[in-house]
Amino acid sequence: MENKAKFPFNGTKEQEKELRQVIAEMKDEKGALMPIMQKAQEIYGYLPYEVQKIISDDMQVPMEKIYGVATFYSMFNLEPKGRNQISVCLGTACYVKGSGLIYEKLKQKLGIDSGQCTEDGKYSLDACRCVGACGLAPVMIVNGDVYGKVTVDDIDGILERYE
């Protein structure tokens, strides 16, 4: 696995020290890999190659296993999240009412795909499945703010609120 990061890694020595301390305290416990990876994501905000490498080296676990866990579980992010995190519900009710068009328009407007962050770090975009607000379909969420009955024409106005 080689490092093909879109964003430069900006981890600090303090973050690395904290991660290595967590690993040292937990590495001998059975099933420690997941909790260590969760703590690493708390420390850095995501799990870039460099952080996975520290975990791999300090725990003597192959990089392939670290990467496999990081990509299997949706709770882990391999890229940083934007200051404004956008989710578009693609559940059945929302999709039938046009959320697919909203999602495609956001990808085009922001120049990113699902799970990615804009180069300026302002926005990240994710698709999700059913947020439980089917009566408001289609639904878009920005930083926890729920927008219902969204149309493609509403996107610019919604994003302006987060400038």
Protein backbone atom coordinates (compact mmCIF):
# COMPACT_ATOMS: atom_id res chain seq x y z
CA MET A 1 0.00 0.00 0.00
CA GLU A 2 1.52 3.29 -1.00
CA ASN A 3 0.64 6.76 0.16
CA LYS A 4 -1.40 8.58 -2.52
CA ALA A 5 -2.92 11.21 -0.24
CA LYS A 6 -4.68 14.17 -1.81
CA PHE A 7 -3.99 16.21 1.32
CA PRO A 8 -0.58 16.66 2.94
CA PHE A 9 -0.31 15.05 6.36
CA ASN A 10 -0.12 17.71 9.05
CA GLY A 11 0.12 15.63 12.21
CA THR A 12 1.98 17.15 15.14
CA LYS A 13 4.59 15.63 17.45
CA GLU A 14 2.08 15.99 20.30
CA GLN A 15 -0.50 13.95 18.38
CA GLU A 16 2.08 11.27 17.60
CA LYS A 17 3.17 11.13 21.24
CA GLU A 18 -0.46 10.77 22.36
CA LEU A 19 -1.09 7.98 19.83
CA ARG A 20 2.06 6.09 20.76
CA GLN A 21 1.08 6.33 24.44
CA VAL A 22 -2.38 4.91 23.68
CA ILE A 23 -0.81 2.06 21.71
CA ALA A 24 1.69 1.29 24.47
CA GLU A 25 -1.10 1.16 27.07
CA MET A 26 -3.49 -0.99 25.01
CA LYS A 27 -1.51 -3.09 22.53
CA ASP A 28 -1.29 -6.19 24.72
CA GLU A 29 -5.05 -6.30 25.34
CA LYS A 30 -7.07 -8.77 23.29
CA GLY A 31 -9.03 -6.98 20.55
CA ALA A 32 -7.10 -3.72 20.99
CA LEU A 33 -6.77 -2.87 17.29
CA MET A 34 -10.25 -1.34 16.84
CA PRO A 35 -10.14 0.79 20.01
CA ILE A 36 -6.65 2.00 19.11
CA MET A 37 -7.78 2.92 15.61
CA GLN A 38 -10.83 4.72 17.05
CA LYS A 39 -8.61 6.66 19.44
CA ALA A 40 -6.21 7.48 16.57
CA GLN A 41 -9.12 8.90 14.59
CA GLU A 42 -10.16 10.97 17.62
CA ILE A 43 -6.62 12.35 17.85
CA TYR A 44 -6.12 13.13 14.14
CA GLY A 45 -9.70 13.41 12.87
CA TYR A 46 -9.07 10.68 10.28
CA LEU A 47 -6.70 7.77 9.56
CA PRO A 48 -4.16 8.82 6.94
CA TYR A 49 -1.43 6.46 5.75
CA GLU A 50 1.08 7.92 8.22
CA VAL A 51 -1.17 7.18 11.21
CA GLN A 52 -1.90 3.66 9.96
CA LYS A 53 1.87 3.13 9.64
CA ILE A 54 2.48 4.17 13.26
CA ILE A 55 -0.20 1.73 14.42
CA SER A 56 1.21 -1.01 12.20
CA ASP A 57 4.79 -0.53 13.37
CA ASP A 58 4.05 -0.13 17.07
CA MET A 59 1.59 -3.02 17.21
CA GLN A 60 3.52 -5.22 14.78
CA VAL A 61 0.37 -5.69 12.73
CA PRO A 62 0.63 -5.77 8.91
CA MET A 63 -0.45 -2.60 7.11
CA GLU A 64 -2.87 -4.70 5.05
CA LYS A 65 -4.79 -5.59 8.20
CA ILE A 66 -4.90 -1.97 9.40
CA TYR A 67 -6.08 -0.79 5.98
CA GLY A 68 -8.60 -3.63 5.77
CA VAL A 69 -10.20 -2.64 9.07
CA ALA A 70 -10.13 1.06 8.16
CA THR A 71 -11.90 0.47 4.85
CA PHE A 72 -14.35 -2.18 6.09
CA TYR A 73 -15.91 -0.14 8.90
CA SER A 74 -17.76 3.02 7.88
CA MET A 75 -16.84 4.78 11.11
CA PHE A 76 -13.27 5.25 9.87
CA ASN A 77 -12.25 8.03 7.50
CA LEU A 78 -9.14 7.83 5.32
CA GLU A 79 -9.46 11.46 4.28
CA PRO A 80 -10.06 14.52 6.44
CA LYS A 81 -13.57 15.84 6.84
CA GLY A 82 -14.43 19.41 5.89
CA ARG A 83 -15.37 22.14 8.33
CA ASN A 84 -18.87 21.76 6.89
CA GLN A 85 -19.96 18.14 6.62
CA ILE A 86 -22.72 17.54 4.10
CA SER A 87 -24.78 14.35 3.94
CA VAL A 88 -27.47 13.60 1.40
CA CYS A 89 -29.97 10.87 2.19
CA LEU A 90 -30.19 8.34 -0.62
CA GLY A 91 -32.72 6.15 1.16
CA THR A 92 -35.74 5.03 -0.85
CA ALA A 93 -38.15 7.86 0.01
CA CYS A 94 -35.52 10.56 -0.53
CA TYR A 95 -34.19 8.98 -3.70
CA VAL A 96 -37.66 8.68 -5.24
CA LYS A 97 -38.21 12.38 -4.50
CA GLY A 98 -34.93 13.46 -6.19
CA SER A 99 -32.06 13.19 -3.72
CA GLY A 100 -29.92 11.50 -6.37
CA LEU A 101 -30.07 14.69 -8.45
CA ILE A 102 -29.20 16.80 -5.40
CA TYR A 103 -26.27 14.54 -4.60
CA GLU A 104 -24.95 14.66 -8.18
CA LYS A 105 -25.29 18.46 -8.26
CA LEU A 106 -23.32 18.77 -5.00
CA LYS A 107 -20.57 16.50 -6.34
CA GLN A 108 -20.36 18.66 -9.46
CA LYS A 109 -20.51 21.99 -7.61
CA LEU A 110 -17.95 21.02 -4.95
CA GLY A 111 -15.73 19.03 -7.32
CA ILE A 112 -15.56 16.06 -4.96
CA ASP A 113 -16.99 12.58 -4.63
CA SER A 114 -18.51 10.78 -1.67
CA GLY A 115 -16.19 10.62 1.34
CA GLN A 116 -13.99 13.41 0.03
CA CYS A 117 -13.17 16.91 1.19
CA THR A 118 -12.74 20.03 -0.93
CA GLU A 119 -9.15 21.17 -1.33
CA ASP A 120 -9.79 24.25 0.81
CA GLY A 121 -11.12 22.02 3.62
CA LYS A 122 -14.44 23.86 3.63
CA TYR A 123 -16.80 21.00 2.69
CA SER A 124 -16.93 17.23 2.76
CA LEU A 125 -19.67 15.17 1.15
CA ASP A 126 -21.20 11.84 2.10
CA ALA A 127 -24.19 9.83 0.99
CA CYS A 128 -26.20 8.16 3.72
CA ARG A 129 -29.08 5.71 3.89
CA CYS A 130 -32.30 6.81 5.58
CA VAL A 131 -32.02 9.45 8.26
CA GLY A 132 -35.54 8.72 9.48
CA ALA A 133 -37.08 11.91 8.11
CA CYS A 134 -38.97 10.38 5.19
CA GLY A 135 -41.80 12.91 5.50
CA LEU A 136 -39.28 15.64 4.66
CA ALA A 137 -37.84 13.85 1.62
CA PRO A 138 -35.50 14.64 0.01
CA VAL A 139 -33.22 15.45 2.95
CA MET A 140 -29.81 17.10 3.08
CA ILE A 141 -27.88 17.57 6.34
CA VAL A 142 -25.10 20.11 6.90
CA ASN A 143 -23.28 19.99 10.26
CA GLY A 144 -26.34 18.41 11.84
CA ASP A 145 -28.76 20.99 10.40
CA VAL A 146 -31.53 19.12 8.57
CA TYR A 147 -32.95 20.56 5.36
CA GLY A 148 -36.12 18.94 4.06
CA LYS A 149 -37.94 18.97 0.74
CA VAL A 150 -34.70 20.16 -0.87
CA THR A 151 -34.53 20.84 -4.59
CA VAL A 152 -31.48 21.31 -6.80
CA ASP A 153 -32.33 25.03 -6.86
CA ASP A 154 -32.01 25.21 -3.03
CA ILE A 155 -28.38 24.04 -2.94
CA ASP A 156 -26.68 27.42 -3.49
CA GLY A 157 -28.78 29.09 -0.80
CA ILE A 158 -28.09 26.34 1.71
CA LEU A 159 -24.34 26.42 1.07
CA GLU A 160 -24.27 30.22 1.40
CA ARG A 161 -25.28 29.82 5.04
CA TYR A 162 -21.95 28.10 5.68
CA GLU A 163 -19.64 30.57 3.91
